Amino acid sequence: MRPDIQDLGRTALERWCVEAGVPRWRAGQILAGVHRKGATAFEELSALPKPLRARLAAEFAIGRLAPSRVLDAADGTRKLLFELPAADDRRAAVESVLIPQEERTGGARDRLTLCISSQAGCGMGCAFCATARLGLVRNLGPAEIVGQVRAGIALAAPRMVTNVVLMGMGEPLANYDAVRTALEILSAEWGFALSPRRITVSTVGLVPAIPRLIAETRVNLAVSLSATTDAQRARLMPVNRRYPLGALLTACRALALPRRKRITFEYVMLAGENDSDADARRLVRLLHGLRSKVNLIPFNPFPGSGFAPSPRERIEEFQSCLRAHGLHATIRESRGRDIQAACGQLAAA
């Protein structure tokens, strides 16, 4: 099977060009034709010499990812299911979610966020996430990651996708090289030309990869925290046994963040588990001095989870405590619950 040319970033394709005796600058021309112009066959790239088109067609494919099913929620959220080539006879499928939100009135454009996946399944084992029940099936390639974006943009038309978040199935930093290439394609002028300010990568806290992401990209960083003690976090998020809170927050403090950029800390609110006033006070101490904001996420139940969502009043009290101590704290409104498309519910069912 021919490899998909969309799995290559510019450096890799330039290397191929040199080895093939083709001018290095042709790489940008090829990538622009495939990504920006949306060519589905190399013959469509009429600016290229015919021998080059023929060689590209002989060595590469141009894949197109299409959802096998689309579900529509009452609130306008749409969930896309993609069937992928299996891994070791295990079904590989991922989900993406289009999330509409009115940013503000007065003629400003509405926000339309596309949440995409980086792995089929997930090996991180977070107790409050349905995807974790699947285990890791396999990593996605760059073509499969950006393919979700292309499919989401097509489905959303004529509306524009304004934001892309890697918060779907999988841990992005556990599939770093493919995610890094996908981010290059999404933000490059020869690619999708999305502003890095509109792209967010969420991680459970794979400490060694975090500074690399900040150094090699200009995207936003979100860290799933969801606990304020090591014992509590290790119970909810096994990754904490390898990278405890101290190591994670030390790494975050050491990041050379661009001016005006903050780290988002995501905190899933679980009734009676991590939502006490004491938890809020500990969270204030943990994040003291960090350029950060806290996103409080109401837990979205799924069958067999064993957790209950914190009552709205408790979440608002928790938020008030954080704000009273100078933290920027928001509550993420859950969207798409009726089609199991909300945060933590994606399981490719």
Protein backbone atom coordinates (compact mmCIF):
# COMPACT_ATOMS: atom_id res chain seq x y z
CA MET A 1 0.00 0.00 0.00
CA ARG A 2 1.34 3.43 -0.95
CA PRO A 3 1.90 5.83 1.97
CA ASP A 4 -0.37 8.87 2.23
CA ILE A 5 1.49 12.02 1.28
CA GLN A 6 -0.50 13.84 3.98
CA ASP A 7 1.60 11.99 6.57
CA LEU A 8 4.58 14.14 5.53
CA GLY A 9 5.47 17.56 6.80
CA ARG A 10 7.46 20.01 4.69
CA THR A 11 10.92 18.89 5.83
CA ALA A 12 10.16 15.23 5.09
CA LEU A 13 8.77 16.05 1.64
CA GLU A 14 11.73 18.30 0.85
CA ARG A 15 14.00 15.35 1.72
CA TRP A 16 12.04 13.16 -0.70
CA CYS A 17 12.37 15.79 -3.42
CA VAL A 18 16.14 15.97 -3.01
CA GLU A 19 16.45 12.18 -3.14
CA ALA A 20 14.23 12.11 -6.24
CA GLY A 21 16.32 14.75 -8.00
CA VAL A 22 13.50 17.31 -7.79
CA PRO A 23 14.09 20.95 -6.69
CA ARG A 24 13.48 21.29 -2.96
CA TRP A 25 11.03 24.18 -3.48
CA ARG A 26 8.62 21.83 -5.23
CA ALA A 27 7.67 20.44 -1.80
CA GLY A 28 5.75 23.59 -0.90
CA GLN A 29 4.00 23.53 -4.27
CA ILE A 30 2.95 19.89 -3.79
CA LEU A 31 1.74 20.43 -0.23
CA ALA A 32 -0.25 23.53 -1.19
CA GLY A 33 -1.97 21.60 -3.96
CA VAL A 34 -2.87 18.71 -1.67
CA HIS A 35 -3.89 20.65 1.43
CA ARG A 36 -4.89 24.18 0.44
CA LYS A 37 -6.39 23.41 -2.96
CA GLY A 38 -7.76 20.03 -1.89
CA ALA A 39 -6.47 17.93 -4.79
CA THR A 40 -7.58 14.30 -4.61
CA ALA A 41 -5.24 13.06 -7.37
CA PHE A 42 -1.75 14.18 -8.34
CA GLU A 43 -2.90 14.64 -11.94
CA GLU A 44 -4.86 17.68 -10.70
CA LEU A 45 -1.59 19.45 -9.79
CA SER A 46 -1.21 20.99 -13.24
CA ALA A 47 1.61 23.33 -12.16
CA LEU A 48 3.89 20.30 -11.71
CA PRO A 49 5.77 18.67 -14.59
CA LYS A 50 4.08 15.50 -15.84
CA PRO A 51 7.00 13.21 -14.90
CA LEU A 52 6.84 14.51 -11.31
CA ARG A 53 3.07 13.97 -11.16
CA ALA A 54 3.55 10.43 -12.42
CA ARG A 55 6.25 9.68 -9.86
CA LEU A 56 4.17 11.09 -7.02
CA ALA A 57 1.20 8.97 -8.09
CA ALA A 58 3.42 5.88 -8.21
CA GLU A 59 4.83 6.42 -4.71
CA PHE A 60 2.05 8.15 -2.75
CA ALA A 61 -1.70 8.19 -2.26
CA ILE A 62 -3.96 11.10 -1.29
CA GLY A 63 -6.46 9.77 1.21
CA ARG A 64 -9.74 11.38 2.19
CA LEU A 65 -11.39 10.62 5.52
CA ALA A 66 -15.19 10.59 5.49
CA PRO A 67 -17.46 10.01 8.50
CA SER A 68 -19.40 6.76 8.43
CA ARG A 69 -22.02 8.28 10.72
CA VAL A 70 -23.03 11.75 11.91
CA LEU A 71 -25.21 12.30 14.98
CA ASP A 72 -27.00 15.59 15.71
CA ALA A 73 -27.70 16.77 19.25
CA ALA A 74 -30.59 18.98 20.28
CA ASP A 75 -28.20 21.86 21.05
CA GLY A 76 -26.64 21.84 17.57
CA THR A 77 -23.58 19.76 18.46
CA ARG A 78 -22.64 17.20 15.80
CA LYS A 79 -20.61 14.03 16.36
CA LEU A 80 -18.70 12.37 13.52
CA LEU A 81 -17.69 8.70 13.60
CA PHE A 82 -14.73 7.63 11.47
CA GLU A 83 -13.97 3.99 10.74
CA LEU A 84 -10.22 3.45 10.30
CA PRO A 85 -8.04 0.51 9.27
CA ALA A 86 -7.94 -1.97 12.15
CA ALA A 87 -4.91 -2.70 14.31
CA ASP A 88 -4.15 -6.34 15.22
CA ASP A 89 -7.71 -7.32 14.33
CA ARG A 90 -9.05 -4.71 16.76
CA ARG A 91 -11.64 -2.28 15.41
CA ALA A 92 -10.16 1.19 15.06
CA ALA A 93 -12.63 4.05 15.12
CA VAL A 94 -12.48 7.63 16.34
CA GLU A 95 -14.93 10.44 16.91
CA SER A 96 -14.78 14.18 16.32
CA VAL A 97 -17.25 16.76 17.58
CA LEU A 98 -18.43 20.06 16.09
CA ILE A 99 -19.44 22.37 18.94
CA PRO A 100 -21.28 25.61 18.13
CA GLN A 101 -21.20 28.46 20.61
CA GLU A 102 -22.31 32.06 20.33
CA GLU A 103 -19.27 34.10 21.33
CA ARG A 104 -21.01 37.43 21.57
CA THR A 105 -23.73 39.44 19.88
CA GLY A 106 -23.46 42.54 17.77
CA GLY A 107 -22.43 40.97 14.50
CA ALA A 108 -19.31 39.14 15.73
CA ARG A 109 -18.81 35.74 14.21
CA ASP A 110 -19.92 32.80 16.31
CA ARG A 111 -17.40 30.29 17.58
CA LEU A 112 -17.50 26.83 16.02
CA THR A 113 -15.04 24.49 17.69
CA LEU A 114 -13.95 21.18 16.20
CA CYS A 115 -12.74 18.66 18.78
CA ILE A 116 -10.57 15.98 17.16
CA SER A 117 -8.87 12.72 18.21
CA SER A 118 -5.19 11.77 18.11
CA GLN A 119 -5.48 8.06 18.98
CA ALA A 120 -8.04 5.29 18.60
CA GLY A 121 -8.81 4.55 22.22
CA CYS A 122 -6.49 5.75 24.95
CA GLY A 123 -3.94 4.13 27.23
CA MET A 124 -3.94 6.75 30.01
CA GLY A 125 -6.66 5.08 32.10
CA CYS A 126 -8.35 8.19 33.54
CA ALA A 127 -11.21 6.94 35.72
CA PHE A 128 -13.69 9.63 34.64
CA CYS A 129 -13.28 9.14 30.87
CA ALA A 130 -15.23 6.69 28.70
CA THR A 131 -12.45 6.54 26.10
CA ALA A 132 -10.12 5.05 28.71
CA ARG A 133 -12.35 1.96 28.91
CA LEU A 134 -11.30 1.10 25.35
CA GLY A 135 -7.57 0.99 26.08
CA LEU A 136 -5.17 2.08 23.37
CA VAL A 137 -6.02 0.54 19.99
CA ARG A 138 -3.46 2.48 17.92
CA ASN A 139 -1.99 5.88 17.18
CA LEU A 140 -3.36 7.97 14.32
CA GLY A 141 -1.13 9.20 11.52
CA PRO A 142 -0.98 12.89 10.57
CA ALA A 143 -3.25 12.21 7.57
CA GLU A 144 -5.91 10.75 9.87
CA ILE A 145 -5.65 13.67 12.29
CA VAL A 146 -5.88 16.41 9.65
CA GLY A 147 -8.46 14.31 7.79
CA GLN A 148 -10.87 14.85 10.68
CA VAL A 149 -10.40 18.59 10.29
CA ARG A 150 -11.04 18.51 6.55
CA ALA A 151 -14.18 16.42 7.08
CA GLY A 152 -15.38 18.69 9.89
CA ILE A 153 -14.87 21.82 7.78
CA ALA A 154 -16.84 20.25 4.92
CA LEU A 155 -19.69 19.22 7.21
CA ALA A 156 -19.84 22.66 8.86
CA ALA A 157 -20.07 24.62 5.59
CA PRO A 158 -21.11 27.32 5.00
CA ARG A 159 -20.17 28.08 8.62
CA MET A 160 -16.45 28.37 9.35
CA VAL A 161 -14.63 26.25 11.89
CA THR A 162 -12.99 28.88 14.13
CA ASN A 163 -11.17 26.68 16.65
CA VAL A 164 -9.59 23.23 16.68
CA VAL A 165 -8.92 21.40 19.94
CA LEU A 166 -7.10 18.08 20.36
CA MET A 167 -9.32 17.01 23.24
CA GLY A 168 -11.05 14.03 21.67
CA MET A 169 -9.99 10.40 21.95
CA GLY A 170 -6.41 9.70 22.96
CA GLU A 171 -3.46 11.50 24.56
CA PRO A 172 -1.88 13.81 21.96
CA LEU A 173 1.57 13.89 23.56
CA ALA A 174 1.73 10.08 23.57
CA ASN A 175 1.60 10.33 19.76
CA TYR A 176 3.88 13.34 19.60
CA ASP A 177 5.55 13.07 16.20
CA ALA A 178 2.29 12.53 14.31
CA VAL A 179 0.56 15.32 16.26
CA ARG A 180 3.47 17.68 15.66
CA THR A 181 3.30 17.06 11.91
CA ALA A 182 -0.48 17.50 11.94
CA LEU A 183 -0.13 20.82 13.78
CA GLU A 184 2.35 21.98 11.14
CA ILE A 185 -0.11 21.10 8.37
CA LEU A 186 -3.02 22.79 10.14
CA SER A 187 -1.16 26.06 10.78
CA ALA A 188 1.09 26.40 7.70
CA GLU A 189 0.19 28.76 4.87
CA TRP A 190 0.56 25.86 2.43
CA GLY A 191 -1.77 23.83 4.68
CA PHE A 192 -5.02 24.81 6.40
CA ALA A 193 -3.64 28.22 7.48
CA LEU A 194 -5.33 28.07 10.89
CA SER A 195 -3.94 30.50 13.44
CA PRO A 196 -2.05 28.64 16.21
CA ARG A 197 -3.94 30.88 18.64
CA ARG A 198 -7.06 28.99 17.58
CA ILE A 199 -5.55 25.53 18.18
CA THR A 200 -5.33 23.89 21.62
CA VAL A 201 -3.61 20.66 22.62
CA SER A 202 -4.78 18.98 25.82
CA THR A 203 -2.60 16.58 27.80
CA VAL A 204 -2.97 14.54 30.98
CA GLY A 205 0.55 15.69 31.85
CA LEU A 206 3.27 13.82 29.97
CA VAL A 207 5.96 16.03 31.46
CA PRO A 208 8.91 15.42 29.07
CA ALA A 209 6.84 16.31 25.98
CA ILE A 210 5.30 19.52 27.33
CA PRO A 211 8.35 21.83 26.87
CA ARG A 212 8.95 20.31 23.47
CA LEU A 213 5.40 21.19 22.38
CA ILE A 214 5.81 24.79 23.54
CA ALA A 215 9.23 25.11 21.88
CA GLU A 216 8.23 23.56 18.55
CA THR A 217 4.72 24.99 18.07
CA ARG A 218 2.76 28.13 18.92
CA VAL A 219 -0.47 26.37 19.91
CA ASN A 220 -2.25 26.69 23.25
CA LEU A 221 -1.61 24.19 26.04
CA ALA A 222 -4.31 22.68 28.26
CA VAL A 223 -3.42 20.37 31.13
CA SER A 224 -5.95 17.99 32.66
CA LEU A 225 -5.46 18.36 36.43
CA SER A 226 -8.70 17.28 38.16
CA ALA A 227 -7.14 16.76 41.61
CA THR A 228 -5.15 18.66 44.22
CA THR A 229 -3.20 15.89 45.98
CA ASP A 230 -1.01 13.14 44.58
CA ALA A 231 -3.05 10.40 46.25
CA GLN A 232 -6.28 11.77 44.82
CA ARG A 233 -4.86 12.34 41.33
CA ALA A 234 -3.16 8.94 41.15
CA ARG A 235 -6.52 7.34 41.91
CA LEU A 236 -8.27 9.33 39.18
CA MET A 237 -5.40 9.62 36.69
CA PRO A 238 -2.76 6.85 36.76
CA VAL A 239 -0.29 9.08 34.89
CA ASN A 240 0.27 10.85 38.21
CA ARG A 241 2.21 7.83 39.50
CA ARG A 242 4.85 8.54 36.88
CA TYR A 243 4.60 12.33 36.76
CA PRO A 244 3.25 13.58 40.12
CA LEU A 245 1.82 17.02 40.69
CA GLY A 246 5.15 18.52 41.80
CA ALA A 247 6.94 17.44 38.62
CA LEU A 248 4.04 18.51 36.41
CA LEU A 249 3.67 21.98 37.89
CA THR A 250 7.44 22.53 38.01
CA ALA A 251 7.55 21.78 34.28
CA CYS A 252 4.67 24.20 33.67
CA ARG A 253 6.37 26.97 35.65
CA ALA A 254 9.55 26.53 33.62
CA LEU A 255 7.84 27.01 30.26
CA ALA A 256 8.89 30.02 28.21
CA LEU A 257 5.35 31.13 27.41
CA PRO A 258 4.83 33.93 24.90
CA ARG A 259 3.56 37.17 26.36
CA ARG A 260 -0.16 37.13 27.17
CA LYS A 261 -0.39 33.35 26.81
CA ARG A 262 -1.62 31.26 29.73
CA ILE A 263 -1.84 27.55 30.46
CA THR A 264 -5.37 26.24 30.84
CA PHE A 265 -5.82 23.74 33.66
CA GLU A 266 -8.86 21.53 33.16
CA TYR A 267 -10.63 20.31 36.27
CA VAL A 268 -13.42 17.73 35.98
CA MET A 269 -15.88 18.25 38.84
CA LEU A 270 -16.79 14.95 40.56
CA ALA A 271 -19.35 15.03 43.38
CA GLY A 272 -17.78 14.20 46.75
CA GLU A 273 -14.45 13.39 45.13
CA ASN A 274 -12.61 16.59 44.26
CA ASP A 275 -15.12 19.41 44.69
CA SER A 276 -14.73 20.48 48.34
CA ASP A 277 -13.75 23.92 49.61
CA ALA A 278 -10.47 22.34 50.75
CA ASP A 279 -9.84 21.19 47.17
CA ALA A 280 -10.46 24.72 45.91
CA ARG A 281 -8.02 26.20 48.44
CA ARG A 282 -5.35 23.62 47.55
CA LEU A 283 -5.85 24.40 43.87
CA VAL A 284 -5.23 28.08 44.58
CA ARG A 285 -1.96 27.21 46.31
CA LEU A 286 -0.86 24.82 43.54
CA LEU A 287 -1.34 27.43 40.81
CA HIS A 288 -0.07 30.44 42.74
CA GLY A 289 2.21 32.53 40.55
CA LEU A 290 1.50 30.53 37.40
CA ARG A 291 0.18 32.37 34.37
CA SER A 292 -2.91 30.21 34.13
CA LYS A 293 -6.65 29.88 33.92
CA VAL A 294 -8.88 27.12 35.26
CA ASN A 295 -11.62 25.50 33.23
CA LEU A 296 -14.11 23.74 35.51
CA ILE A 297 -15.75 20.87 33.62
CA PRO A 298 -18.98 19.32 34.91
CA PHE A 299 -18.56 15.53 34.81
CA ASN A 300 -20.52 13.94 31.98
CA PRO A 301 -21.78 10.53 33.10
CA PHE A 302 -21.41 7.36 31.04
CA PRO A 303 -22.53 3.80 31.83
CA GLY A 304 -20.52 2.22 34.64
CA SER A 305 -18.48 5.31 35.44
CA GLY A 306 -19.07 5.13 39.19
CA PHE A 307 -19.01 8.92 39.52
CA ALA A 308 -21.68 11.60 39.77
CA PRO A 309 -21.40 15.19 38.55
CA SER A 310 -21.03 17.94 41.12
CA PRO A 311 -24.26 19.95 41.52
CA ARG A 312 -24.24 23.24 39.66
CA GLU A 313 -24.39 25.20 42.92
CA ARG A 314 -21.26 23.41 44.18
CA ILE A 315 -19.40 24.13 40.93
CA GLU A 316 -20.29 27.81 41.17
CA GLU A 317 -19.14 27.94 44.81
CA PHE A 318 -15.87 26.27 43.81
CA GLN A 319 -15.45 28.85 41.03
CA SER A 320 -16.17 31.72 43.43
CA CYS A 321 -13.48 30.48 45.81
CA LEU A 322 -10.90 30.40 43.01
CA ARG A 323 -11.88 33.84 41.78
CA ALA A 324 -11.77 35.28 45.29
CA HIS A 325 -8.11 34.29 45.42
CA GLY A 326 -7.25 35.85 42.06
CA LEU A 327 -7.52 32.84 39.73
CA HIS A 328 -9.24 33.19 36.38
CA ALA A 329 -11.84 30.41 36.47
CA THR A 330 -14.58 29.55 33.98
CA ILE A 331 -17.19 26.80 33.78
CA ARG A 332 -17.32 24.82 30.56
CA GLU A 333 -20.90 24.29 29.52
CA SER A 334 -21.46 20.70 28.44
CA ARG A 335 -22.68 20.26 24.88
CA GLY A 336 -23.96 17.19 23.08
CA ARG A 337 -24.73 15.04 26.11
CA ASP A 338 -27.77 13.49 24.43
CA ILE A 339 -25.53 11.92 21.75
CA GLN A 340 -22.65 11.07 24.12
CA ALA A 341 -20.51 13.80 22.56
CA ALA A 342 -19.63 15.78 25.69
CA CYS A 343 -16.20 15.88 27.34
CA GLY A 344 -15.16 12.42 28.51
CA GLN A 345 -17.97 10.57 26.74
CA LEU A 346 -16.32 9.65 23.43
CA ALA A 347 -16.13 5.88 23.04
CA ALA A 348 -16.75 5.30 19.32
CA ALA A 349 -19.88 3.32 20.16
